[in-house]
Structure formats: C-alpha cells, structure tokens
Amino acid sequence: MPTAHVNDITINYQLEGDGPETIVLINGLADDLASWDFQVPALLEAGLRVLRFDNRGIGATDKPAGPYTSRLLADDAKALVDHLGLTDVHLMGVSMGGMIAQEYALAYPDGLKSLTLACTYAAPGEFCSRMFSLWADMARDLGVPAVMRDVTLWAFTVPFFEERTEEAEEFEAAMAALDQPLGAYLAQLSVIQTHDTVERLERITTPTLVLAGEEDILIPVRLSRRLHAAVPDAEWATVPGGHACLWETPEPFNTTLIDFVRAHAG
C-alpha cells in the first residue's frame, strides 16, 4: 500500500477508483483504513474515487508521541490531499473522524464540495468526558484490547447482539485484537477529549450533512443534534443502528452518504 511523507509523518493510504468526484474518508478513534471496508465497494460502484488512510497513531501510519488534537490530524489529512493533487473533494468523517473533518472544513473550506459529519459532536460535554476518562484509566490498567472490547458494547445495538451473534463475536474479536500501542491510543483519545468547535461552527460554509445512528449511546444523538443546529443550513439524517451504524447497517448509511454527495457533485 502506498505511503506519503507529509506534515512530518509518513501516512499509509489507499486511493481507489477513477471517477470525476473524490470522497475523502476519515476514520474514528483506534480505527485504521480497513474500517471503511463496508463503504468503499458502494462508493466505487457509485462512480466515486475514494481516498482513505490511517490517521496519525494507528495502522501503518507513524505514531509519534502525543497528545494529538483534531486540528493536527486535520492538517495531516489536508497535507495528504494536497500531496496527491486532489481538489474539490467531498469529506466524510465518522466519530473522531467527524471532529477532524470539522477542523478541516474550518481551516480549508476552499477545497471542499461537501462535508458529512457522522456519529460525532462539537464538544464532548460532561457525559462523554467521563466515559473517555474511564477509557484512559482502563487502557493504562488493563490494556488497549480490553478497552476496545468494552467499546463494542457501546457501539452496537441490543438487537445486533441478540440477532446477529456470530457477527457480534467477530467484531469483538477484531477489536480485542487491535494492535495499537498504549501511547498512540492515549494520544488519539486526547483528540476526542479536547475537541471543541462549539464557538466556531457558524463559520462553516461547506454544504454539510450531520448523520447519526438512531440508537447511538456512545455519542448520544442529542449531541449530534446540537452539532447540526450550530452549522449553518446543515442537513440532518439518521439511519438504523448505533454508533457503529456504518458497520451494523451499512446499506442505509451508504445510501444516505452517496445521495448527499451526488446532490453536491459537479
């Protein structure tokens, strides 16, 4: 897989398709570029060119000492886009990726056609802050794989565990097998702990969709609604599933994303 040395790090990326419209996908906390495997085939079939990559701190991308910020990772993403000579792109970020995408849109609006912010917030607030503080303690005491097993319970819905047991077990095993050093995990965790665009969202000028899983309890839907209310003229949509709706119910997730991108193509 190709790499690019930008913003003082080497980033692992994958660029697929040859369509006239390019979508850039930004992963969530502790997720590498494979986290988009349920989306990429549909995006390619829709005629899009797709760029996905490992954020700083995960996968085959460099893992320098942290802590990291959402703006730092947005600068990484923009540097990669520029390195590849991509212009007028559509940007999609999920969870932590949605926080990075907010900073990208605020800092680099001229190169964007559309912005999709999925399962994310403008600031963590008291509930999520307490959760993430606990994750940091668990990671130090029990290790990152133990935290990721716990995250599985927050990310999927009750019906998923009851009706799709084998899939649930596969996701649990995959998340428990996460190969991310403690320091890199904590450096990324700092991104979602410190992210705050509340006072700046009114400056976003890119056509924006805020998307949420109907049963998201990890980043509660009410936080996504606050984000939606703060972005001028943003559209709102929900899809079945929880925080991991892009994996639990990929078809409606993909359809909603593709329809929005097509509405702002050309």
Protein backbone atom coordinates (compact mmCIF):
# COMPACT_ATOMS: atom_id res chain seq x y z
CA MET A 1 0.00 0.00 0.00
CA PRO A 2 1.41 3.46 -0.85
CA THR A 3 2.65 5.99 1.69
CA ALA A 4 3.22 9.74 1.67
CA HIS A 5 5.60 11.74 3.84
CA VAL A 6 3.67 14.88 4.79
CA ASN A 7 3.35 17.11 7.85
CA ASP A 8 6.49 15.45 9.33
CA ILE A 9 4.99 11.93 9.32
CA THR A 10 4.56 9.06 6.88
CA ILE A 11 0.89 8.31 6.17
CA ASN A 12 -0.38 5.00 4.87
CA TYR A 13 -3.22 5.50 2.37
CA GLN A 14 -5.30 3.86 -0.32
CA LEU A 15 -6.73 5.71 -3.34
CA GLU A 16 -9.23 3.77 -5.46
CA GLY A 17 -11.46 4.48 -8.43
CA ASP A 18 -11.24 6.92 -11.30
CA GLY A 19 -14.50 8.83 -11.08
CA PRO A 20 -14.70 12.61 -11.52
CA GLU A 21 -15.72 13.12 -7.88
CA THR A 22 -13.41 12.27 -4.96
CA ILE A 23 -14.51 11.46 -1.43
CA VAL A 24 -12.04 11.53 1.47
CA LEU A 25 -12.87 9.24 4.40
CA ILE A 26 -11.54 9.98 7.90
CA ASN A 27 -11.58 7.19 10.50
CA GLY A 28 -12.61 7.18 14.12
CA LEU A 29 -10.59 6.51 17.26
CA ALA A 30 -8.35 3.43 17.05
CA ASP A 31 -9.66 2.59 13.56
CA ASP A 32 -7.40 2.06 10.56
CA LEU A 33 -8.40 2.46 6.93
CA ALA A 34 -9.97 -1.02 6.87
CA SER A 35 -12.80 0.41 8.95
CA TRP A 36 -14.31 1.65 5.66
CA ASP A 37 -14.49 -1.80 4.06
CA PHE A 38 -18.29 -1.78 4.30
CA GLN A 39 -18.48 1.56 2.45
CA VAL A 40 -15.80 1.51 -0.26
CA PRO A 41 -17.45 -1.01 -2.66
CA ALA A 42 -20.68 1.00 -2.68
CA LEU A 43 -18.82 4.29 -3.14
CA LEU A 44 -16.83 2.88 -6.05
CA GLU A 45 -19.96 1.45 -7.63
CA ALA A 46 -21.49 4.92 -7.37
CA GLY A 47 -18.65 6.20 -9.54
CA LEU A 48 -16.65 7.95 -6.83
CA ARG A 49 -12.91 8.00 -6.36
CA VAL A 50 -12.17 7.10 -2.74
CA LEU A 51 -9.28 8.15 -0.54
CA ARG A 52 -8.89 6.50 2.87
CA PHE A 53 -5.88 6.44 5.15
CA ASP A 54 -4.57 5.56 8.59
CA ASN A 55 -4.67 8.54 10.91
CA ARG A 56 -1.58 9.52 12.87
CA GLY A 57 -1.23 6.93 15.64
CA ILE A 58 -2.87 3.88 14.01
CA GLY A 59 -2.19 1.22 11.40
CA ALA A 60 0.85 1.66 9.19
CA THR A 61 1.00 5.44 9.66
CA ASP A 62 3.62 6.89 12.01
CA LYS A 63 2.83 7.06 15.71
CA PRO A 64 4.80 9.98 17.15
CA ALA A 65 4.39 11.00 20.78
CA GLY A 66 1.15 12.78 21.62
CA PRO A 67 -1.16 14.11 22.68
CA TYR A 68 -2.82 14.83 19.33
CA THR A 69 -5.57 17.31 18.51
CA SER A 70 -8.34 17.31 15.94
CA ARG A 71 -6.67 20.27 14.20
CA LEU A 72 -3.34 18.43 13.98
CA LEU A 73 -4.99 15.42 12.35
CA ALA A 74 -6.95 17.74 10.04
CA ASP A 75 -3.64 19.23 8.94
CA ASP A 76 -2.37 15.69 8.27
CA ALA A 77 -5.41 14.97 6.10
CA LYS A 78 -5.11 18.23 4.16
CA ALA A 79 -1.39 17.64 3.59
CA LEU A 80 -2.16 14.21 2.15
CA VAL A 81 -4.91 15.58 -0.10
CA ASP A 82 -2.53 18.25 -1.40
CA HIS A 83 0.29 15.74 -1.86
CA LEU A 84 -1.99 13.64 -4.08
CA GLY A 85 -3.07 16.67 -6.07
CA LEU A 86 -6.74 16.28 -5.19
CA THR A 87 -9.07 19.27 -5.41
CA ASP A 88 -12.75 19.96 -4.79
CA VAL A 89 -13.24 16.87 -2.65
CA HIS A 90 -16.15 15.59 -0.59
CA LEU A 91 -15.19 14.98 3.04
CA MET A 92 -16.68 12.33 5.32
CA GLY A 93 -15.62 11.81 8.93
CA VAL A 94 -17.11 9.41 11.44
CA SER A 95 -16.85 9.79 15.24
CA MET A 96 -13.31 11.15 15.88
CA GLY A 97 -13.07 11.48 12.11
CA GLY A 98 -16.07 13.81 12.21
CA MET A 99 -14.22 16.02 14.67
CA ILE A 100 -11.18 16.09 12.41
CA ALA A 101 -13.45 16.89 9.46
CA GLN A 102 -14.93 19.88 11.31
CA GLU A 103 -11.46 21.34 11.80
CA TYR A 104 -10.61 20.59 8.16
CA ALA A 105 -13.72 22.43 6.95
CA LEU A 106 -12.98 25.41 9.20
CA ALA A 107 -9.33 25.68 8.14
CA TYR A 108 -9.55 24.67 4.47
CA PRO A 109 -13.04 25.41 3.13
CA ASP A 110 -11.99 26.34 -0.40
CA GLY A 111 -11.17 22.77 -1.42
CA LEU A 112 -14.43 21.18 -0.27
CA LYS A 113 -17.63 20.41 -2.16
CA SER A 114 -19.47 18.75 0.71
CA LEU A 115 -18.98 17.75 4.33
CA THR A 116 -20.57 14.77 6.10
CA LEU A 117 -20.20 14.51 9.88
CA ALA A 118 -21.32 11.12 11.17
CA CYS A 119 -21.87 10.00 14.76
CA THR A 120 -19.92 12.91 16.18
CA TYR A 121 -20.13 16.09 18.25
CA ALA A 122 -18.81 19.63 18.56
CA ALA A 123 -17.64 19.05 22.15
CA PRO A 124 -17.78 16.02 24.46
CA GLY A 125 -19.68 17.56 27.35
CA GLU A 126 -19.91 16.02 30.79
CA PHE A 127 -21.23 12.57 29.82
CA CYS A 128 -18.69 11.69 27.13
CA SER A 129 -15.85 13.30 29.07
CA ARG A 130 -16.47 10.94 31.96
CA MET A 131 -16.62 7.96 29.64
CA PHE A 132 -13.36 8.83 27.92
CA SER A 133 -11.58 9.44 31.21
CA LEU A 134 -12.59 5.93 32.22
CA TRP A 135 -11.27 4.55 28.92
CA ALA A 136 -7.90 6.16 29.60
CA ASP A 137 -7.75 4.58 33.06
CA MET A 138 -8.80 1.19 31.67
CA ALA A 139 -6.19 1.37 28.91
CA ARG A 140 -3.42 2.03 31.41
CA ASP A 141 -4.60 -0.66 33.84
CA LEU A 142 -5.98 -3.37 31.54
CA GLY A 143 -4.52 -2.59 28.13
CA VAL A 144 -5.99 -1.22 24.91
CA PRO A 145 -7.63 -4.53 23.79
CA ALA A 146 -9.72 -4.61 26.98
CA VAL A 147 -10.97 -1.09 26.30
CA MET A 148 -11.90 -1.99 22.75
CA ARG A 149 -13.94 -4.99 23.91
CA ASP A 150 -15.84 -2.57 26.16
CA VAL A 151 -16.34 -0.14 23.28
CA THR A 152 -18.09 -2.88 21.30
CA LEU A 153 -20.92 -2.83 23.85
CA TRP A 154 -21.37 0.91 23.40
CA ALA A 155 -21.07 0.83 19.61
CA PHE A 156 -23.72 -1.71 18.61
CA THR A 157 -27.40 -2.07 19.44
CA VAL A 158 -29.11 -4.71 21.56
CA PRO A 159 -30.74 -6.39 18.51
CA PHE A 160 -27.31 -6.75 16.91
CA PHE A 161 -26.07 -8.81 19.84
CA GLU A 162 -29.32 -10.78 20.10
CA GLU A 163 -29.98 -11.48 16.42
CA ARG A 164 -26.51 -11.43 14.81
CA THR A 165 -24.47 -13.21 17.44
CA GLU A 166 -21.77 -14.53 15.14
CA GLU A 167 -21.13 -11.09 13.66
CA ALA A 168 -21.01 -9.59 17.15
CA GLU A 169 -18.43 -12.15 18.19
CA GLU A 170 -16.36 -11.39 15.09
CA PHE A 171 -16.36 -7.67 15.84
CA GLU A 172 -15.49 -8.30 19.49
CA ALA A 173 -12.56 -10.49 18.47
CA ALA A 174 -11.34 -7.98 15.90
CA MET A 175 -11.50 -5.08 18.33
CA ALA A 176 -9.85 -7.09 21.10
CA ALA A 177 -7.02 -7.91 18.69
CA LEU A 178 -6.31 -4.25 18.00
CA ASP A 179 -2.58 -3.70 17.63
CA GLN A 180 -2.22 -0.11 18.83
CA PRO A 181 0.43 0.86 21.39
CA LEU A 182 -0.85 2.38 24.62
CA GLY A 183 0.88 5.69 23.94
CA ALA A 184 -0.66 6.00 20.48
CA TYR A 185 -4.12 5.11 21.81
CA LEU A 186 -3.91 7.75 24.54
CA ALA A 187 -2.59 10.29 22.04
CA GLN A 188 -5.65 9.70 19.82
CA LEU A 189 -8.00 9.57 22.80
CA SER A 190 -6.89 13.10 23.63
CA VAL A 191 -8.37 14.23 20.31
CA ILE A 192 -11.92 13.35 21.34
CA GLN A 193 -11.39 14.59 24.89
CA THR A 194 -10.19 18.06 23.87
CA HIS A 195 -12.12 18.68 20.63
CA ASP A 196 -14.29 21.81 20.81
CA THR A 197 -15.66 23.72 17.83
CA VAL A 198 -18.82 24.99 19.53
CA GLU A 199 -18.00 28.67 19.14
CA ARG A 200 -16.72 28.30 15.54
CA LEU A 201 -19.25 26.11 13.76
CA GLU A 202 -21.15 29.12 12.45
CA ARG A 203 -18.14 29.77 10.19
CA ILE A 204 -18.60 26.53 8.22
CA THR A 205 -19.63 27.40 4.68
CA THR A 206 -19.43 23.96 3.06
CA PRO A 207 -22.75 22.16 2.40
CA THR A 208 -23.00 19.87 5.42
CA LEU A 209 -24.85 16.73 6.40
CA VAL A 210 -24.92 15.65 10.04
CA LEU A 211 -25.69 11.94 10.21
CA ALA A 212 -26.43 9.85 13.30
CA GLY A 213 -27.25 6.27 14.19
CA GLU A 214 -30.76 6.27 15.62
CA GLU A 215 -29.69 4.36 18.74
CA ASP A 216 -26.23 5.82 19.29
CA ILE A 217 -25.45 5.75 23.01
CA LEU A 218 -21.70 6.27 22.74
CA ILE A 219 -22.02 9.72 21.24
CA PRO A 220 -25.65 10.39 22.13
CA VAL A 221 -27.86 11.56 19.29
CA ARG A 222 -28.67 14.73 21.22
CA LEU A 223 -25.02 15.80 20.87
CA SER A 224 -25.16 15.26 17.11
CA ARG A 225 -28.36 17.31 17.02
CA ARG A 226 -26.57 20.17 18.80
CA LEU A 227 -23.87 19.99 16.16
CA HIS A 228 -26.46 20.07 13.41
CA ALA A 229 -28.19 23.09 14.92
CA ALA A 230 -24.92 25.03 15.05
CA VAL A 231 -23.78 24.50 11.44
CA PRO A 232 -25.48 26.98 9.08
CA ASP A 233 -28.03 25.33 6.77
CA ALA A 234 -26.83 21.83 7.65
CA GLU A 235 -28.97 18.86 6.68
CA TRP A 236 -29.92 16.16 9.20
CA ALA A 237 -30.37 12.41 8.73
CA THR A 238 -30.47 9.28 10.84
CA VAL A 239 -30.01 5.64 9.91
CA PRO A 240 -30.81 2.46 11.83
CA GLY A 241 -28.20 1.26 14.28
CA GLY A 242 -25.97 2.70 16.95
CA HIS A 243 -22.58 4.37 16.96
CA ALA A 244 -21.22 1.69 14.62
CA CYS A 245 -24.08 2.08 12.15
CA LEU A 246 -21.58 2.19 9.28
CA TRP A 247 -20.85 -1.48 10.13
CA GLU A 248 -24.17 -2.59 11.64
CA THR A 249 -26.41 -1.16 8.89
CA PRO A 250 -24.09 -0.21 6.03
CA GLU A 251 -26.68 -0.11 3.26
CA PRO A 252 -28.77 2.82 4.57
CA PHE A 253 -25.60 4.52 5.78
CA ASN A 254 -24.02 4.27 2.32
CA THR A 255 -27.19 5.30 0.50
CA THR A 256 -27.60 8.40 2.66
CA LEU A 257 -23.97 9.39 2.13
CA ILE A 258 -23.99 8.78 -1.62
CA ASP A 259 -27.24 10.68 -2.14
CA PHE A 260 -25.83 13.69 -0.32
CA VAL A 261 -22.55 13.63 -2.24
CA ARG A 262 -24.39 13.35 -5.56
CA ALA A 263 -26.53 16.35 -4.64
CA HIS A 264 -23.36 18.43 -4.35
CA ALA A 265 -21.34 16.96 -7.22
CA GLY A 266 -20.43 18.66 -10.47
